């Protein structure tokens, strides 16, 4: 738990420091102006959301092979943090797009695949409330965690595969950035990663503790029943 808390504190401190880079170090983009600085929050949220769902995919596959709660809890924790980051990514993207494109939403390939991804993983989380046996719930959740990942590469590649108004970052065709912008973006991605890892680990430990508490309560109730 201590390591997880330290990671969250380190990530939070890093994000606070990144605001100085965003506001003072990175130059104002010539075309979009100050609104472009949302990019330095939007980009890390999107990258770590995709990494979250990759963890869900790997942990779900591991659960099907091992059938241990460790992997199910890891997948569920990563999915919850991933949905949170995706939600914030969509919100920041909408705010940025309203100023850059003049509309709140457009059915651009990147935006559309990201929204589909959000719905799919929300469905994954809703499975936790189904009134079925825990083993069956974990099995179904793992299968969906694997199948749902099919949309994740589409989100990442959509701006390159199809005609899109969404910029493809870190490419040579119009995606280049000034050195100050690149440093700020990389720093923001790294410190967001510390926060992401801390949140995933804390949430997994909460799920572990919840299961142990349920087992203790069940054992106590079983002892209290007449035999």
Protein backbone atom coordinates (compact mmCIF):
# COMPACT_ATOMS: atom_id res chain seq x y z
CA UNK A 1 0.00 0.00 0.00
CA UNK A 2 2.85 2.39 0.86
CA UNK A 3 4.40 2.01 -2.59
CA UNK A 4 1.03 2.67 -4.25
CA UNK A 5 0.46 5.81 -2.18
CA UNK A 6 3.98 7.04 -2.95
CA UNK A 7 3.37 6.50 -6.67
CA UNK A 8 0.14 8.51 -6.51
CA UNK A 9 1.87 11.30 -4.58
CA UNK A 10 4.80 11.30 -6.99
CA UNK A 11 2.46 11.39 -9.99
CA UNK A 12 0.38 14.18 -8.45
CA UNK A 13 3.50 16.23 -7.67
CA UNK A 14 4.77 15.61 -11.19
CA UNK A 15 1.48 16.74 -12.71
CA UNK A 16 1.63 19.90 -10.61
CA UNK A 17 5.16 20.52 -11.93
CA UNK A 18 3.97 19.83 -15.48
CA UNK A 19 1.61 22.79 -15.20
CA UNK A 20 4.62 25.09 -15.05
CA UNK A 21 5.98 23.49 -18.20
CA UNK A 22 2.59 23.73 -19.89
CA UNK A 23 1.90 27.34 -18.94
CA UNK A 24 5.41 28.83 -18.96
CA UNK A 25 7.83 26.61 -20.88
CA UNK A 26 5.87 25.26 -23.84
CA UNK A 27 5.23 27.96 -26.48
CA UNK A 28 1.75 28.98 -27.54
CA UNK A 29 0.75 27.15 -30.73
CA UNK A 30 0.58 29.58 -33.65
CA UNK A 31 -2.78 28.46 -35.12
CA UNK A 32 -4.93 27.30 -32.18
CA UNK A 33 -3.45 29.53 -29.50
CA UNK A 34 -3.59 28.77 -25.75
CA UNK A 35 -6.39 26.16 -26.12
CA UNK A 36 -3.80 23.82 -27.66
CA UNK A 37 -2.24 23.40 -24.20
CA UNK A 38 -5.08 21.00 -23.34
CA UNK A 39 -3.05 18.61 -25.50
CA UNK A 40 -0.54 18.08 -22.70
CA UNK A 41 -3.27 16.64 -20.48
CA UNK A 42 -5.32 15.01 -23.24
CA UNK A 43 -2.40 13.03 -24.65
CA UNK A 44 -1.26 11.36 -21.39
CA UNK A 45 -4.86 10.48 -20.51
CA UNK A 46 -5.37 8.82 -23.88
CA UNK A 47 -2.09 6.89 -23.82
CA UNK A 48 -2.53 5.54 -20.31
CA UNK A 49 -6.16 4.66 -21.02
CA UNK A 50 -4.97 2.48 -23.91
CA UNK A 51 -2.26 0.95 -21.72
CA UNK A 52 -4.94 0.22 -19.09
CA UNK A 53 -6.94 -1.79 -21.58
CA UNK A 54 -3.82 -3.63 -22.73
CA UNK A 55 -3.31 -4.65 -19.08
CA UNK A 56 -6.97 -5.78 -18.99
CA UNK A 57 -6.32 -7.92 -22.07
CA UNK A 58 -3.17 -9.52 -20.64
CA UNK A 59 -4.65 -10.07 -17.17
CA UNK A 60 -7.84 -11.55 -18.64
CA UNK A 61 -5.83 -14.00 -20.70
CA UNK A 62 -3.79 -14.87 -17.61
CA UNK A 63 -6.98 -15.49 -15.63
CA UNK A 64 -8.26 -17.95 -18.25
CA UNK A 65 -4.99 -19.86 -17.93
CA UNK A 66 -4.47 -19.64 -14.16
CA UNK A 67 -8.05 -19.14 -12.84
CA UNK A 68 -6.81 -17.09 -9.87
CA UNK A 69 -8.47 -13.99 -8.46
CA UNK A 70 -5.19 -12.08 -8.67
CA UNK A 71 -5.50 -11.69 -12.43
CA UNK A 72 -9.23 -10.93 -12.36
CA UNK A 73 -8.69 -8.20 -9.77
CA UNK A 74 -5.80 -6.73 -11.78
CA UNK A 75 -7.94 -6.68 -14.93
CA UNK A 76 -10.87 -5.10 -13.11
CA UNK A 77 -8.66 -2.44 -11.47
CA UNK A 78 -7.02 -1.55 -14.79
CA UNK A 79 -10.42 -1.38 -16.49
CA UNK A 80 -11.81 1.01 -13.88
CA UNK A 81 -8.82 3.34 -14.14
CA UNK A 82 -8.90 3.02 -17.93
CA UNK A 83 -12.57 4.03 -18.09
CA UNK A 84 -11.83 7.00 -15.80
CA UNK A 85 -8.94 8.14 -18.00
CA UNK A 86 -10.99 7.60 -21.17
CA UNK A 87 -13.82 9.70 -19.75
CA UNK A 88 -11.42 12.54 -18.92
CA UNK A 89 -9.77 12.12 -22.33
CA UNK A 90 -13.12 12.48 -24.10
CA UNK A 91 -14.02 15.54 -22.02
CA UNK A 92 -10.71 17.30 -22.68
CA UNK A 93 -10.96 16.36 -26.35
CA UNK A 94 -14.45 17.83 -26.60
CA UNK A 95 -13.27 21.11 -25.01
CA UNK A 96 -10.26 21.25 -27.33
CA UNK A 97 -12.29 20.31 -30.40
CA UNK A 98 -14.94 22.95 -29.73
CA UNK A 99 -12.31 25.67 -30.06
CA UNK A 100 -10.19 24.03 -32.77
CA UNK A 101 -12.96 22.66 -35.00
CA UNK A 102 -15.91 24.86 -34.05
CA UNK A 103 -18.11 21.92 -32.93
CA UNK A 104 -18.46 19.99 -29.68
CA UNK A 105 -18.42 16.62 -31.42
CA UNK A 106 -17.74 15.19 -34.85
CA UNK A 107 -17.89 11.56 -35.92
CA UNK A 108 -14.21 11.49 -36.74
CA UNK A 109 -12.67 7.97 -36.85
CA UNK A 110 -10.51 8.59 -33.76
CA UNK A 111 -13.39 10.03 -31.74
CA UNK A 112 -15.85 7.36 -32.86
CA UNK A 113 -13.57 4.42 -32.05
CA UNK A 114 -12.69 5.99 -28.68
CA UNK A 115 -16.37 6.39 -27.80
CA UNK A 116 -17.06 2.77 -28.78
CA UNK A 117 -14.14 1.71 -26.59
CA UNK A 118 -15.61 3.65 -23.65
CA UNK A 119 -19.00 1.93 -24.05
CA UNK A 120 -17.42 -1.53 -24.36
CA UNK A 121 -15.38 -1.20 -21.18
CA UNK A 122 -18.29 0.35 -19.32
CA UNK A 123 -20.17 -2.84 -20.19
CA UNK A 124 -17.22 -4.80 -18.83
CA UNK A 125 -17.53 -2.97 -15.50
CA UNK A 126 -21.30 -3.40 -15.37
CA UNK A 127 -20.75 -7.17 -15.37
CA UNK A 128 -19.50 -6.83 -11.79
CA UNK A 129 -23.07 -6.16 -10.65
CA UNK A 130 -24.64 -9.19 -12.35
CA UNK A 131 -26.28 -11.66 -9.99
CA UNK A 132 -24.40 -14.74 -11.14
CA UNK A 133 -21.83 -16.90 -9.39
CA UNK A 134 -18.45 -15.21 -8.82
CA UNK A 135 -16.56 -17.80 -10.89
CA UNK A 136 -18.90 -17.43 -13.84
CA UNK A 137 -18.75 -13.63 -13.54
CA UNK A 138 -14.95 -13.67 -13.58
CA UNK A 139 -14.96 -16.03 -16.56
CA UNK A 140 -17.37 -13.89 -18.59
CA UNK A 141 -15.48 -10.74 -17.63
CA UNK A 142 -12.20 -12.25 -18.79
CA UNK A 143 -13.64 -13.27 -22.16
CA UNK A 144 -15.03 -9.78 -22.70
CA UNK A 145 -11.72 -8.26 -21.56
CA UNK A 146 -9.99 -10.14 -24.38
CA UNK A 147 -12.59 -9.49 -27.07
CA UNK A 148 -12.95 -5.79 -26.16
CA UNK A 149 -9.26 -5.20 -26.85
CA UNK A 150 -9.94 -5.51 -30.59
CA UNK A 151 -11.08 -1.86 -30.60
CA UNK A 152 -7.96 -0.53 -28.84
CA UNK A 153 -5.55 -0.80 -31.83
CA UNK A 154 -8.24 0.84 -33.98
CA UNK A 155 -8.29 3.84 -31.64
CA UNK A 156 -4.51 4.15 -31.84
CA UNK A 157 -4.26 3.68 -35.62
CA UNK A 158 -7.51 5.35 -36.74
CA UNK A 159 -5.95 8.75 -37.44
CA UNK A 160 -3.43 7.04 -39.72
CA UNK A 161 -5.69 4.44 -41.34
CA UNK A 162 -8.59 6.70 -42.33
CA UNK A 163 -9.05 10.29 -43.35
CA UNK A 164 -9.23 12.10 -40.05
CA UNK A 165 -9.15 15.66 -38.77
CA UNK A 166 -7.62 14.40 -35.55
CA UNK A 167 -3.84 15.01 -35.57
CA UNK A 168 -1.50 12.03 -35.57
CA UNK A 169 1.05 12.87 -32.89
CA UNK A 170 4.81 12.19 -33.18
CA UNK A 171 4.82 11.64 -36.94
CA UNK A 172 6.83 13.31 -39.65
CA UNK A 173 3.79 14.31 -41.74
CA UNK A 174 2.65 17.44 -39.99
CA UNK A 175 2.86 15.92 -36.53
CA UNK A 176 6.24 17.38 -35.55
CA UNK A 177 6.57 19.60 -32.48
CA UNK A 178 9.02 22.17 -31.21
CA UNK A 179 11.56 20.85 -28.72
CA UNK A 180 9.85 22.65 -25.82
CA UNK A 181 6.49 21.12 -26.77
CA UNK A 182 8.02 17.64 -27.10
CA UNK A 183 9.74 17.83 -23.70
CA UNK A 184 6.53 19.03 -22.04
CA UNK A 185 4.51 16.27 -23.68
CA UNK A 186 6.95 13.52 -22.70
CA UNK A 187 7.20 14.79 -19.12
CA UNK A 188 3.40 14.90 -18.83
CA UNK A 189 3.08 11.34 -20.13
CA UNK A 190 5.72 10.01 -17.70
CA UNK A 191 4.31 11.66 -14.55
CA UNK A 192 0.78 10.61 -15.52
CA UNK A 193 2.15 7.08 -15.66
CA UNK A 194 3.18 7.21 -11.99
CA UNK A 195 -0.33 8.34 -11.05
CA UNK A 196 -1.89 5.64 -13.24
CA UNK A 197 0.20 2.84 -11.74
CA UNK A 198 -0.51 3.99 -8.20
CA UNK A 199 -4.26 4.11 -8.84
CA UNK A 200 -4.29 0.64 -10.43
CA UNK A 201 -2.35 -0.90 -7.54
CA UNK A 202 -4.51 0.77 -4.89
CA UNK A 203 -7.71 -0.34 -6.59
CA UNK A 204 -6.43 -3.91 -6.94
CA UNK A 205 -5.61 -4.03 -3.23
CA UNK A 206 -9.10 -2.74 -2.44
CA UNK A 207 -10.59 -5.58 -4.49
CA UNK A 208 -8.34 -8.09 -2.73
CA UNK A 209 -9.41 -6.76 0.67
CA UNK A 210 -13.07 -6.84 -0.33
CA UNK A 211 -12.83 -10.52 -1.24
CA UNK A 212 -11.02 -11.39 1.99
CA UNK A 213 -13.68 -9.54 3.98
CA UNK A 214 -16.45 -11.38 2.13
CA UNK A 215 -14.77 -14.70 2.91
CA UNK A 216 -14.48 -13.81 6.61
CA UNK A 217 -18.12 -12.75 6.77
CA UNK A 218 -19.21 -15.93 5.01
CA UNK A 219 -17.13 -18.05 7.40
CA UNK A 220 -18.59 -16.23 10.42
CA UNK A 221 -22.14 -16.71 9.17
CA UNK A 222 -21.49 -20.38 8.47
CA UNK A 223 -20.25 -20.93 12.03
CA UNK A 224 -23.30 -19.18 13.48
CA UNK A 225 -25.73 -21.49 11.66
CA UNK A 226 -26.94 -24.58 13.51
CA UNK A 227 -25.52 -27.86 12.19
